[in-house]
């Protein structure tokens, strides 16, 4: 498992902000768009795209949001 260079709080805050900013509850949270947005906000994140998408999906599920697993390998 890679080491996260920034604090976990920063990562969770960025993920939560992304999910909460998607106000239309009928539309799913796109893992591809989430990873892109989080990479823009936290370019120092050393997690792989897959690992980041998994964390986004987990957070979205906890918030009872639909998810689009659209991240390309």
C-alpha atoms as a PDB file:
ATOM      1  CA  UNK A   1       0.000   0.000   0.000  1.00  0.00           C
ATOM      2  CA  UNK A   2       1.524   3.366  -0.997  1.00  0.00           C
ATOM      3  CA  UNK A   3       2.165   6.043   1.573  1.00  0.00           C
ATOM      4  CA  UNK A   4      -0.087   9.088   1.366  1.00  0.00           C
ATOM      5  CA  UNK A   5       2.164  12.176   1.405  1.00  0.00           C
ATOM      6  CA  UNK A   6      -0.542  14.596   2.429  1.00  0.00           C
ATOM      7  CA  UNK A   7      -2.560  14.093   5.583  1.00  0.00           C
ATOM      8  CA  UNK A   8      -5.487  11.718   5.476  1.00  0.00           C
ATOM      9  CA  UNK A   9      -7.719  14.569   6.604  1.00  0.00           C
ATOM     10  CA  UNK A  10      -6.851  16.577   3.489  1.00  0.00           C
ATOM     11  CA  UNK A  11      -7.711  13.649   1.241  1.00  0.00           C
ATOM     12  CA  UNK A  12     -10.987  12.865   3.009  1.00  0.00           C
ATOM     13  CA  UNK A  13     -11.908  16.559   3.006  1.00  0.00           C
ATOM     14  CA  UNK A  14     -11.288  16.785  -0.760  1.00  0.00           C
ATOM     15  CA  UNK A  15     -13.321  13.638  -1.441  1.00  0.00           C
ATOM     16  CA  UNK A  16     -16.194  14.763   0.787  1.00  0.00           C
ATOM     17  CA  UNK A  17     -16.185  18.184  -0.842  1.00  0.00           C
ATOM     18  CA  UNK A  18     -16.346  16.639  -4.311  1.00  0.00           C
ATOM     19  CA  UNK A  19     -19.238  14.338  -3.393  1.00  0.00           C
ATOM     20  CA  UNK A  20     -21.166  17.050  -1.543  1.00  0.00           C
ATOM     21  CA  UNK A  21     -20.713  19.475  -4.448  1.00  0.00           C
ATOM     22  CA  UNK A  22     -22.639  17.111  -6.721  1.00  0.00           C
ATOM     23  CA  UNK A  23     -26.083  18.343  -5.710  1.00  0.00           C
ATOM     24  CA  UNK A  24     -28.230  16.394  -8.166  1.00  0.00           C
ATOM     25  CA  UNK A  25     -28.891  13.205  -6.219  1.00  0.00           C
ATOM     26  CA  UNK A  26     -30.320  11.463  -9.281  1.00  0.00           C
ATOM     27  CA  UNK A  27     -26.985  11.560 -11.117  1.00  0.00           C
ATOM     28  CA  UNK A  28     -24.289   9.112 -10.039  1.00  0.00           C
ATOM     29  CA  UNK A  29     -20.896  10.171  -8.750  1.00  0.00           C
ATOM     30  CA  UNK A  30     -18.402   9.536 -11.551  1.00  0.00           C
ATOM     31  CA  UNK A  31     -15.241   7.891 -10.248  1.00  0.00           C
ATOM     32  CA  UNK A  32     -13.310   9.156 -13.290  1.00  0.00           C
ATOM     33  CA  UNK A  33     -14.386  12.764 -12.773  1.00  0.00           C
ATOM     34  CA  UNK A  34     -13.805  12.513  -9.023  1.00  0.00           C
ATOM     35  CA  UNK A  35     -10.256  11.216  -9.495  1.00  0.00           C
ATOM     36  CA  UNK A  36      -9.528  13.995 -11.996  1.00  0.00           C
ATOM     37  CA  UNK A  37     -10.872  16.695  -9.666  1.00  0.00           C
ATOM     38  CA  UNK A  38      -9.034  15.338  -6.636  1.00  0.00           C
ATOM     39  CA  UNK A  39      -5.771  15.054  -8.577  1.00  0.00           C
ATOM     40  CA  UNK A  40      -6.198  18.710  -9.558  1.00  0.00           C
ATOM     41  CA  UNK A  41      -6.742  19.724  -5.915  1.00  0.00           C
ATOM     42  CA  UNK A  42      -4.115  17.389  -4.445  1.00  0.00           C
ATOM     43  CA  UNK A  43      -1.415  16.812  -7.076  1.00  0.00           C
ATOM     44  CA  UNK A  44       0.910  15.412  -4.401  1.00  0.00           C
ATOM     45  CA  UNK A  45      -1.389  12.420  -3.788  1.00  0.00           C
ATOM     46  CA  UNK A  46       0.608   9.228  -4.405  1.00  0.00           C
ATOM     47  CA  UNK A  47      -2.347   6.844  -4.460  1.00  0.00           C
ATOM     48  CA  UNK A  48      -3.083   5.123  -7.753  1.00  0.00           C
ATOM     49  CA  UNK A  49      -6.206   6.160  -9.661  1.00  0.00           C
ATOM     50  CA  UNK A  50      -7.813   2.827  -8.740  1.00  0.00           C
ATOM     51  CA  UNK A  51      -7.088   3.302  -5.034  1.00  0.00           C
ATOM     52  CA  UNK A  52      -8.420   6.839  -5.139  1.00  0.00           C
ATOM     53  CA  UNK A  53     -11.555   5.724  -7.006  1.00  0.00           C
ATOM     54  CA  UNK A  54     -12.142   3.004  -4.397  1.00  0.00           C
ATOM     55  CA  UNK A  55     -11.993   5.570  -1.593  1.00  0.00           C
ATOM     56  CA  UNK A  56     -14.366   7.863  -3.498  1.00  0.00           C
ATOM     57  CA  UNK A  57     -16.787   4.969  -4.044  1.00  0.00           C
ATOM     58  CA  UNK A  58     -16.657   3.996  -0.377  1.00  0.00           C
ATOM     59  CA  UNK A  59     -17.361   7.555   0.704  1.00  0.00           C
ATOM     60  CA  UNK A  60     -20.202   7.921  -1.808  1.00  0.00           C
ATOM     61  CA  UNK A  61     -21.779   4.682  -0.587  1.00  0.00           C
ATOM     62  CA  UNK A  62     -21.634   5.935   3.011  1.00  0.00           C
ATOM     63  CA  UNK A  63     -23.511   9.031   1.832  1.00  0.00           C
ATOM     64  CA  UNK A  64     -26.119   6.868   0.020  1.00  0.00           C
ATOM     65  CA  UNK A  65     -25.118   8.183  -3.402  1.00  0.00           C
ATOM     66  CA  UNK A  66     -25.158   6.318  -6.697  1.00  0.00           C
ATOM     67  CA  UNK A  67     -21.788   5.656  -8.294  1.00  0.00           C
ATOM     68  CA  UNK A  68     -20.629   5.370 -11.895  1.00  0.00           C
ATOM     69  CA  UNK A  69     -17.564   3.128 -11.960  1.00  0.00           C
ATOM     70  CA  UNK A  70     -16.296   4.740 -15.147  1.00  0.00           C
ATOM     71  CA  UNK A  71     -12.570   4.992 -14.429  1.00  0.00           C
ATOM     72  CA  UNK A  72     -10.641   3.477 -17.327  1.00  0.00           C
ATOM     73  CA  UNK A  73      -7.819   1.113 -16.405  1.00  0.00           C
END
